[in-house]
C-alpha atoms as a PDB file:
ATOM      1  CA  MET A   1      -6.487  -3.810  -9.319  1.00  0.00           C
ATOM      2  CA  VAL A   2      -4.686  -1.327  -7.079  1.00  0.00           C
ATOM      3  CA  VAL A   3      -1.534  -2.264  -5.160  1.00  0.00           C
ATOM      4  CA  SER A   4      -0.036  -0.130  -2.386  1.00  0.00           C
ATOM      5  CA  VAL A   5       3.604  -1.079  -1.769  1.00  0.00           C
ATOM      6  CA  GLY A   6       5.051   0.272   1.463  1.00  0.00           C
ATOM      7  CA  GLY A   7       8.358   2.100   1.392  1.00  0.00           C
ATOM      8  CA  SER A   8       9.600  -0.213   4.140  1.00  0.00           C
ATOM      9  CA  VAL A   9       9.044  -3.093   1.712  1.00  0.00           C
ATOM     10  CA  LEU A  10      10.813  -1.403  -1.187  1.00  0.00           C
ATOM     11  CA  PHE A  11      13.905  -0.556   0.864  1.00  0.00           C
ATOM     12  CA  THR A  12      14.997  -2.789   3.721  1.00  0.00           C
ATOM     13  CA  GLY A  13      18.764  -2.447   3.315  1.00  0.00           C
ATOM     14  CA  SER A  14      19.070  -6.047   2.134  1.00  0.00           C
ATOM     15  CA  GLY A  15      18.577  -7.296  -1.414  1.00  0.00           C
ATOM     16  CA  ASP A  16      16.704  -4.180  -2.486  1.00  0.00           C
ATOM     17  CA  ALA A  17      17.883  -4.171  -6.109  1.00  0.00           C
ATOM     18  CA  GLU A  18      17.017  -7.856  -6.490  1.00  0.00           C
ATOM     19  CA  TYR A  19      13.591  -7.234  -4.974  1.00  0.00           C
ATOM     20  CA  HIS A  20      12.858  -4.323  -7.321  1.00  0.00           C
ATOM     21  CA  HIS A  21      13.871  -6.477 -10.263  1.00  0.00           C
ATOM     22  CA  ALA A  22      11.562  -9.330  -9.211  1.00  0.00           C
ATOM     23  CA  LEU A  23       8.681  -6.995  -8.248  1.00  0.00           C
ATOM     24  CA  ALA A  24       8.885  -5.216 -11.588  1.00  0.00           C
ATOM     25  CA  SER A  25       8.770  -8.553 -13.399  1.00  0.00           C
ATOM     26  CA  LEU A  26       5.721  -9.650 -11.378  1.00  0.00           C
ATOM     27  CA  LEU A  27       3.838  -6.407 -12.029  1.00  0.00           C
ATOM     28  CA  HIS A  28       4.695  -6.477 -15.733  1.00  0.00           C
ATOM     29  CA  ARG A  29       3.424 -10.053 -15.946  1.00  0.00           C
ATOM     30  CA  MET A  30       0.255  -9.275 -13.985  1.00  0.00           C
ATOM     31  CA  ALA A  31      -0.493  -6.285 -16.205  1.00  0.00           C
ATOM     32  CA  ARG A  32      -1.018  -8.686 -19.102  1.00  0.00           C
ATOM     33  CA  ARG A  33      -4.033 -10.048 -17.195  1.00  0.00           C
ATOM     34  CA  PHE A  34      -5.287  -7.024 -15.226  1.00  0.00           C
ATOM     35  CA  ALA A  35      -5.070  -3.266 -15.464  1.00  0.00           C
ATOM     36  CA  LEU A  36      -2.879  -2.293 -12.498  1.00  0.00           C
ATOM     37  CA  VAL A  37      -2.245   0.887 -10.552  1.00  0.00           C
ATOM     38  CA  VAL A  38       0.639   0.745  -8.047  1.00  0.00           C
ATOM     39  CA  THR A  39       1.449   3.300  -5.355  1.00  0.00           C
ATOM     40  CA  THR A  40       4.827   3.425  -3.597  1.00  0.00           C
ATOM     41  CA  GLY A  41       5.373   4.583  -0.024  1.00  0.00           C
ATOM     42  CA  GLY A  42       8.234   6.548   1.473  1.00  0.00           C
ATOM     43  CA  GLY A  43       9.324   4.240   4.298  1.00  0.00           C
ATOM     44  CA  ARG A  44      12.357   4.902   6.435  1.00  0.00           C
ATOM     45  CA  THR A  45      13.859   7.432   4.025  1.00  0.00           C
ATOM     46  CA  ALA A  46      10.764   9.624   4.200  1.00  0.00           C
ATOM     47  CA  ARG A  47      10.615   9.315   7.987  1.00  0.00           C
ATOM     48  CA  GLU A  48      14.232  10.407   8.304  1.00  0.00           C
ATOM     49  CA  TYR A  49      13.599  13.523   6.206  1.00  0.00           C
ATOM     50  CA  ILE A  50      10.427  14.247   8.174  1.00  0.00           C
ATOM     51  CA  ALA A  51      12.185  13.817  11.528  1.00  0.00           C
ATOM     52  CA  THR A  52      14.934  16.211  10.471  1.00  0.00           C
ATOM     53  CA  GLY A  53      12.409  18.691   9.089  1.00  0.00           C
ATOM     54  CA  ARG A  54      10.387  18.568  12.286  1.00  0.00           C
ATOM     55  CA  SER A  55      13.510  19.323  14.345  1.00  0.00           C
ATOM     56  CA  LEU A  56      14.061  22.343  12.076  1.00  0.00           C
ATOM     57  CA  GLY A  57      10.571  23.647  12.769  1.00  0.00           C
ATOM     58  CA  LEU A  58       8.868  22.833   9.467  1.00  0.00           C
ATOM     59  CA  THR A  59       5.065  22.742   9.399  1.00  0.00           C
ATOM     60  CA  GLU A  60       3.105  19.501   9.036  1.00  0.00           C
ATOM     61  CA  VAL A  61       2.239  20.464   5.454  1.00  0.00           C
ATOM     62  CA  GLU A  62       5.907  21.008   4.636  1.00  0.00           C
ATOM     63  CA  LEU A  63       6.779  17.680   6.269  1.00  0.00           C
ATOM     64  CA  ASP A  64       4.104  15.942   4.209  1.00  0.00           C
ATOM     65  CA  GLU A  65       5.576  17.499   1.077  1.00  0.00           C
ATOM     66  CA  LEU A  66       9.025  16.137   1.945  1.00  0.00           C
ATOM     67  CA  GLY A  67       7.553  12.657   2.337  1.00  0.00           C
ATOM     68  CA  ILE A  68       5.663  12.960  -0.953  1.00  0.00           C
ATOM     69  CA  ASP A  69       8.884  13.807  -2.787  1.00  0.00           C
ATOM     70  CA  VAL A  70      10.463  10.601  -1.463  1.00  0.00           C
ATOM     71  CA  THR A  71       7.472   8.482  -2.545  1.00  0.00           C
ATOM     72  CA  ARG A  72       7.731   9.949  -6.041  1.00  0.00           C
ATOM     73  CA  LEU A  73      11.405   9.009  -6.255  1.00  0.00           C
ATOM     74  CA  HIS A  74      10.477   5.448  -5.297  1.00  0.00           C
ATOM     75  CA  ALA A  75       7.735   5.420  -7.938  1.00  0.00           C
ATOM     76  CA  ARG A  76      10.108   6.705 -10.592  1.00  0.00           C
ATOM     77  CA  LEU A  77      12.681   4.038  -9.781  1.00  0.00           C
ATOM     78  CA  LEU A  78      10.135   1.206  -9.967  1.00  0.00           C
ATOM     79  CA  ALA A  79       8.490   2.595 -13.112  1.00  0.00           C
ATOM     80  CA  ALA A  80      11.861   2.895 -14.829  1.00  0.00           C
ATOM     81  CA  ARG A  81      12.681  -0.718 -13.994  1.00  0.00           C
ATOM     82  CA  ILE A  82       9.310  -1.913 -15.270  1.00  0.00           C
ATOM     83  CA  GLY A  83       9.541   0.043 -18.507  1.00  0.00           C
ATOM     84  CA  PRO A  84       6.618   0.102 -20.950  1.00  0.00           C
ATOM     85  CA  PRO A  85       3.678   0.036 -20.479  1.00  0.00           C
ATOM     86  CA  ALA A  86       4.345   2.031 -17.268  1.00  0.00           C
ATOM     87  CA  PRO A  87       4.903   5.772 -17.945  1.00  0.00           C
ATOM     88  CA  PRO A  88       8.498   6.671 -17.006  1.00  0.00           C
ATOM     89  CA  VAL A  89       7.390   9.857 -15.209  1.00  0.00           C
ATOM     90  CA  PRO A  90       4.685   9.040 -12.641  1.00  0.00           C
ATOM     91  CA  PRO A  91       1.644  11.323 -12.388  1.00  0.00           C
ATOM     92  CA  THR A  92       1.550  13.716  -9.443  1.00  0.00           C
ATOM     93  CA  SER A  93      -2.208  14.167  -8.968  1.00  0.00           C
ATOM     94  CA  LEU A  94      -5.250  11.921  -8.620  1.00  0.00           C
ATOM     95  CA  ALA A  95      -6.870  13.461 -11.692  1.00  0.00           C
ATOM     96  CA  ALA A  96      -3.799  12.797 -13.858  1.00  0.00           C
ATOM     97  CA  ALA A  97      -3.512   9.241 -12.516  1.00  0.00           C
ATOM     98  CA  VAL A  98      -7.165   8.476 -13.265  1.00  0.00           C
ATOM     99  CA  ASP A  99      -6.772   9.814 -16.795  1.00  0.00           C
ATOM    100  CA  LEU A 100      -3.611   7.795 -17.438  1.00  0.00           C
ATOM    101  CA  ALA A 101      -5.113   4.653 -15.950  1.00  0.00           C
ATOM    102  CA  HIS A 102      -7.789   4.682 -18.654  1.00  0.00           C
ATOM    103  CA  HIS A 103      -5.078   4.448 -21.303  1.00  0.00           C
ATOM    104  CA  ARG A 104      -2.351   2.365 -19.636  1.00  0.00           C
ATOM    105  CA  ARG A 105      -2.334  -1.230 -18.425  1.00  0.00           C
ATOM    106  CA  LEU A 106       0.175  -0.399 -15.683  1.00  0.00           C
ATOM    107  CA  LEU A 107       0.736   2.809 -13.770  1.00  0.00           C
ATOM    108  CA  VAL A 108       3.088   3.595 -10.863  1.00  0.00           C
ATOM    109  CA  LEU A 109       2.891   6.719  -8.727  1.00  0.00           C
ATOM    110  CA  GLY A 110       3.798   8.102  -5.332  1.00  0.00           C
ATOM    111  CA  GLY A 111       2.012  10.661  -3.188  1.00  0.00           C
ATOM    112  CA  THR A 112      -0.179  13.458  -4.494  1.00  0.00           C
ATOM    113  CA  GLU A 113      -0.941  16.098  -1.868  1.00  0.00           C
ATOM    114  CA  PRO A 114      -0.369  16.865   1.826  1.00  0.00           C
ATOM    115  CA  GLY A 115      -2.658  14.972   4.168  1.00  0.00           C
ATOM    116  CA  HIS A 116      -2.912  11.921   1.907  1.00  0.00           C
ATOM    117  CA  THR A 117      -0.576   8.980   2.375  1.00  0.00           C
ATOM    118  CA  THR A 118       0.030   6.631  -0.534  1.00  0.00           C
ATOM    119  CA  ASP A 119      -2.456   4.259   1.122  1.00  0.00           C
ATOM    120  CA  ALA A 120      -5.089   6.977   0.772  1.00  0.00           C
ATOM    121  CA  VAL A 121      -4.018   7.609  -2.814  1.00  0.00           C
ATOM    122  CA  ALA A 122      -4.405   3.895  -3.556  1.00  0.00           C
ATOM    123  CA  ALA A 123      -7.854   3.828  -1.937  1.00  0.00           C
ATOM    124  CA  LEU A 124      -9.133   6.939  -3.693  1.00  0.00           C
ATOM    125  CA  LEU A 125      -7.896   5.665  -7.041  1.00  0.00           C
ATOM    126  CA  ALA A 126      -9.558   2.314  -6.395  1.00  0.00           C
ATOM    127  CA  VAL A 127     -12.865   4.092  -5.793  1.00  0.00           C
ATOM    128  CA  ARG A 128     -12.517   6.334  -8.849  1.00  0.00           C
ATOM    129  CA  LEU A 129     -11.528   3.409 -11.084  1.00  0.00           C
ATOM    130  CA  ARG A 130     -14.056   0.929  -9.626  1.00  0.00           C
ATOM    131  CA  ALA A 131     -11.229  -1.459  -8.771  1.00  0.00           C
ATOM    132  CA  ALA A 132     -12.018  -5.041  -7.798  1.00  0.00           C
ATOM    133  CA  ARG A 133      -9.684  -4.936  -4.797  1.00  0.00           C
ATOM    134  CA  VAL A 134      -6.774  -3.145  -3.138  1.00  0.00           C
ATOM    135  CA  VAL A 135      -3.688  -5.090  -2.058  1.00  0.00           C
ATOM    136  CA  ASN A 136      -1.552  -3.494   0.650  1.00  0.00           C
ATOM    137  CA  ALA A 137       1.987  -4.939   0.567  1.00  0.00           C
ATOM    138  CA  THR A 138       3.561  -4.527   4.015  1.00  0.00           C
ATOM    139  CA  ARG A 139       6.498  -5.838   6.049  1.00  0.00           C
ATOM    140  CA  VAL A 140       4.438  -8.557   7.746  1.00  0.00           C
ATOM    141  CA  PRO A 141       1.994 -11.164   6.367  1.00  0.00           C
ATOM    142  CA  GLY A 142      -1.224  -9.522   7.495  1.00  0.00           C
ATOM    143  CA  LEU A 143      -2.681  -7.617  10.421  1.00  0.00           C
ATOM    144  CA  TYR A 144      -1.941  -8.942  13.927  1.00  0.00           C
ATOM    145  CA  ASP A 145      -3.338  -8.338  17.388  1.00  0.00           C
ATOM    146  CA  ARG A 146       0.208  -7.387  18.465  1.00  0.00           C
ATOM    147  CA  ASP A 147       3.423  -6.562  16.621  1.00  0.00           C
ATOM    148  CA  PRO A 148       4.721  -9.968  15.402  1.00  0.00           C
ATOM    149  CA  ARG A 149       8.222  -8.559  15.018  1.00  0.00           C
ATOM    150  CA  HIS A 150       8.437  -8.217  18.809  1.00  0.00           C
ATOM    151  CA  ASP A 151       5.943 -10.787  20.055  1.00  0.00           C
ATOM    152  CA  PRO A 152       6.131 -14.345  18.664  1.00  0.00           C
ATOM    153  CA  ALA A 153       2.754 -15.111  20.260  1.00  0.00           C
ATOM    154  CA  ALA A 154       0.987 -12.475  18.144  1.00  0.00           C
ATOM    155  CA  ARG A 155      -2.008 -13.809  16.226  1.00  0.00           C
ATOM    156  CA  ARG A 156      -2.977 -12.823  12.731  1.00  0.00           C
ATOM    157  CA  PHE A 157      -6.504 -11.772  11.819  1.00  0.00           C
ATOM    158  CA  ASP A 158      -7.590 -13.776   8.794  1.00  0.00           C
ATOM    159  CA  ARG A 159     -10.621 -11.540   8.266  1.00  0.00           C
ATOM    160  CA  LEU A 160     -12.040  -8.303   9.627  1.00  0.00           C
ATOM    161  CA  SER A 161     -15.232  -6.406   8.951  1.00  0.00           C
ATOM    162  CA  TRP A 162     -14.897  -2.778   7.901  1.00  0.00           C
ATOM    163  CA  PRO A 163     -16.149  -1.419  11.272  1.00  0.00           C
ATOM    164  CA  GLU A 164     -13.588  -3.571  13.114  1.00  0.00           C
ATOM    165  CA  PHE A 165     -10.762  -2.472  10.836  1.00  0.00           C
ATOM    166  CA  ARG A 166     -11.707   1.202  10.941  1.00  0.00           C
ATOM    167  CA  GLU A 167     -11.620   1.110  14.737  1.00  0.00           C
ATOM    168  CA  ILE A 168      -8.103  -0.370  14.663  1.00  0.00           C
ATOM    169  CA  VAL A 169      -7.007   2.325  12.206  1.00  0.00           C
ATOM    170  CA  ARG A 170      -8.606   5.066  14.324  1.00  0.00           C
ATOM    171  CA  ARG A 171      -6.620   3.951  17.387  1.00  0.00           C
ATOM    172  CA  SER A 172      -3.307   3.663  15.552  1.00  0.00           C
ATOM    173  CA  THR A 173      -2.927   7.062  13.876  1.00  0.00           C
ATOM    174  CA  ASP A 174      -3.473  10.741  14.643  1.00  0.00           C
ATOM    175  CA  GLY A 175      -2.671  12.179  11.205  1.00  0.00           C
ATOM    176  CA  ARG A 176       0.858  13.497  11.822  1.00  0.00           C
ATOM    177  CA  ALA A 177       3.391  13.230   8.999  1.00  0.00           C
ATOM    178  CA  GLY A 178       5.766  10.259   9.087  1.00  0.00           C
ATOM    179  CA  GLN A 179       3.742   7.919  11.277  1.00  0.00           C
ATOM    180  CA  GLU A 180       3.886   4.141  10.870  1.00  0.00           C
ATOM    181  CA  PHE A 181       0.478   2.471  10.737  1.00  0.00           C
ATOM    182  CA  VAL A 182      -1.275  -0.390   9.021  1.00  0.00           C
ATOM    183  CA  PHE A 183      -3.460   1.840   6.794  1.00  0.00           C
ATOM    184  CA  ASP A 184      -4.531   5.452   7.043  1.00  0.00           C
ATOM    185  CA  ARG A 185      -7.963   6.761   8.036  1.00  0.00           C
ATOM    186  CA  PRO A 186      -9.033   8.451   4.774  1.00  0.00           C
ATOM    187  CA  GLY A 187      -8.064   5.344   2.810  1.00  0.00           C
ATOM    188  CA  ALA A 188      -9.933   2.972   5.108  1.00  0.00           C
ATOM    189  CA  ASP A 189     -13.002   5.213   5.120  1.00  0.00           C
ATOM    190  CA  ALA A 190     -13.050   5.493   1.314  1.00  0.00           C
ATOM    191  CA  LEU A 191     -12.770   1.734   0.771  1.00  0.00           C
ATOM    192  CA  ALA A 192     -15.386   0.990   3.439  1.00  0.00           C
ATOM    193  CA  ARG A 193     -17.909   3.356   1.865  1.00  0.00           C
ATOM    194  CA  ALA A 194     -17.295   1.888  -1.601  1.00  0.00           C
ATOM    195  CA  GLY A 195     -17.300  -1.720  -0.372  1.00  0.00           C
ATOM    196  CA  ILE A 196     -13.962  -2.496  -2.040  1.00  0.00           C
ATOM    197  CA  PRO A 197     -12.091  -5.386  -0.337  1.00  0.00           C
ATOM    198  CA  LEU A 198      -8.600  -4.802   1.049  1.00  0.00           C
ATOM    199  CA  TRP A 199      -5.898  -7.464   1.335  1.00  0.00           C
ATOM    200  CA  ILE A 200      -2.952  -6.941   3.693  1.00  0.00           C
ATOM    201  CA  VAL A 201      -0.075  -9.254   2.750  1.00  0.00           C
ATOM    202  CA  ALA A 202       3.709  -9.525   3.046  1.00  0.00           C
ATOM    203  CA  GLY A 203       5.208  -7.465   0.243  1.00  0.00           C
ATOM    204  CA  ARG A 204       8.421  -9.433  -0.066  1.00  0.00           C
ATOM    205  CA  ASP A 205       6.603 -12.737  -0.571  1.00  0.00           C
ATOM    206  CA  LEU A 206       6.106 -12.155  -4.269  1.00  0.00           C
ATOM    207  CA  THR A 207       4.397 -15.469  -4.942  1.00  0.00           C
ATOM    208  CA  ASN A 208       1.719 -14.711  -2.362  1.00  0.00           C
ATOM    209  CA  LEU A 209       1.512 -11.084  -3.502  1.00  0.00           C
ATOM    210  CA  GLY A 210       0.716 -12.307  -7.002  1.00  0.00           C
ATOM    211  CA  VAL A 211      -2.013 -14.579  -5.619  1.00  0.00           C
ATOM    212  CA  ALA A 212      -3.592 -11.636  -3.771  1.00  0.00           C
ATOM    213  CA  ILE A 213      -3.502  -9.398  -6.846  1.00  0.00           C
ATOM    214  CA  ALA A 214      -5.172 -12.127  -8.882  1.00  0.00           C
ATOM    215  CA  GLY A 215      -7.896 -12.616  -6.270  1.00  0.00           C
ATOM    216  CA  GLY A 216      -6.765 -16.052  -5.126  1.00  0.00           C
ATOM    217  CA  ARG A 217      -6.451 -17.622  -1.680  1.00  0.00           C
ATOM    218  CA  ALA A 218      -3.616 -15.514  -0.376  1.00  0.00           C
ATOM    219  CA  VAL A 219      -2.057 -15.692   3.084  1.00  0.00           C
ATOM    220  CA  GLY A 220      -2.809 -12.440   4.862  1.00  0.00           C
ATOM    221  CA  THR A 221      -5.712 -10.441   6.243  1.00  0.00           C
ATOM    222  CA  LEU A 222      -8.839  -9.717   4.210  1.00  0.00           C
ATOM    223  CA  ILE A 223     -10.923  -6.694   5.173  1.00  0.00           C
ATOM    224  CA  GLY A 224     -14.503  -6.599   3.907  1.00  0.00           C
ATOM    225  CA  GLY A 225     -16.713  -9.438   2.746  1.00  0.00           C
ATOM    226  CA  ALA A 226     -16.622 -11.299   6.068  1.00  0.00           C
ATOM    227  CA  ARG A 227     -19.305 -11.531   8.742  1.00  0.00           C
ATOM    228  CA  ALA A 228     -17.025 -11.567  11.768  1.00  0.00           C
ATOM    229  CA  THR A 229     -13.480 -11.468  13.022  1.00  0.00           C
ATOM    230  CA  ASP A 230     -11.513 -14.679  12.589  1.00  0.00           C
ATOM    231  CA  LYS A 231      -8.219 -14.726  14.482  1.00  0.00           C
ATOM    232  CA  SER A 232      -5.651 -17.283  13.422  1.00  0.00           C
ATOM    233  CA  SER A 233      -1.930 -17.770  13.451  1.00  0.00           C
ATOM    234  CA  GLY A 234      -1.718 -20.011  10.444  1.00  0.00           C
ATOM    235  CA  ARG A 235      -4.716 -20.346   8.134  1.00  0.00           C
ATOM    236  CA  SER A 236      -4.949 -18.348   4.971  1.00  0.00           C
ATOM    237  CA  ALA A 237      -7.845 -15.971   4.352  1.00  0.00           C
ATOM    238  CA  ARG A 238     -10.657 -16.903   1.965  1.00  0.00           C
ATOM    239  CA  PRO A 239     -12.105 -14.137  -0.213  1.00  0.00           C
END
């Protein structure tokens, strides 16, 4: 299983240490049942560095590299809290991560190279490792037709086909460093081609996150494996 944990989930400014402690415990427990690879995003910290770098005239590649450094710090913090079997120093390339994943039950890493977000890293690793599913842990419990943080009438998609999801992704991102989006284009394209399902769930609901990792009936949005779009504000998705 591959889990992509957003940086905005890891650091919210409230209860972050407690969350890391509980997340590490969940991942350690899950790794007894499944081989896990976890990627960590950069979140607000990365965006602040990128915004400052952009104002200083840095190139998009340099801005990506700043963001990658932040994601690696997040990975190192989580890996250190988990302890064995997670390597204390996360790998920095896809090739190294694939190699380690064949020998470790649990692996945590951040970004790898400019142009690839940690969502893309998670997707590419899932394809290389023939993962059963990818779980994207975000700030909200699934994908909505509007931002639920600002619109209480927003409705959650229980299921989406890959063409529907890829169109949403295409409209929401243009590839610049530091953007906020539900999932990036290369990651969505890679998972769609491989036919690997993607769950989008609330990252701070650890009980539900565990259900999604285990392949159960999680509350969130399931991409792939469904015939048509099913919009709902309350029902849980069925894999």
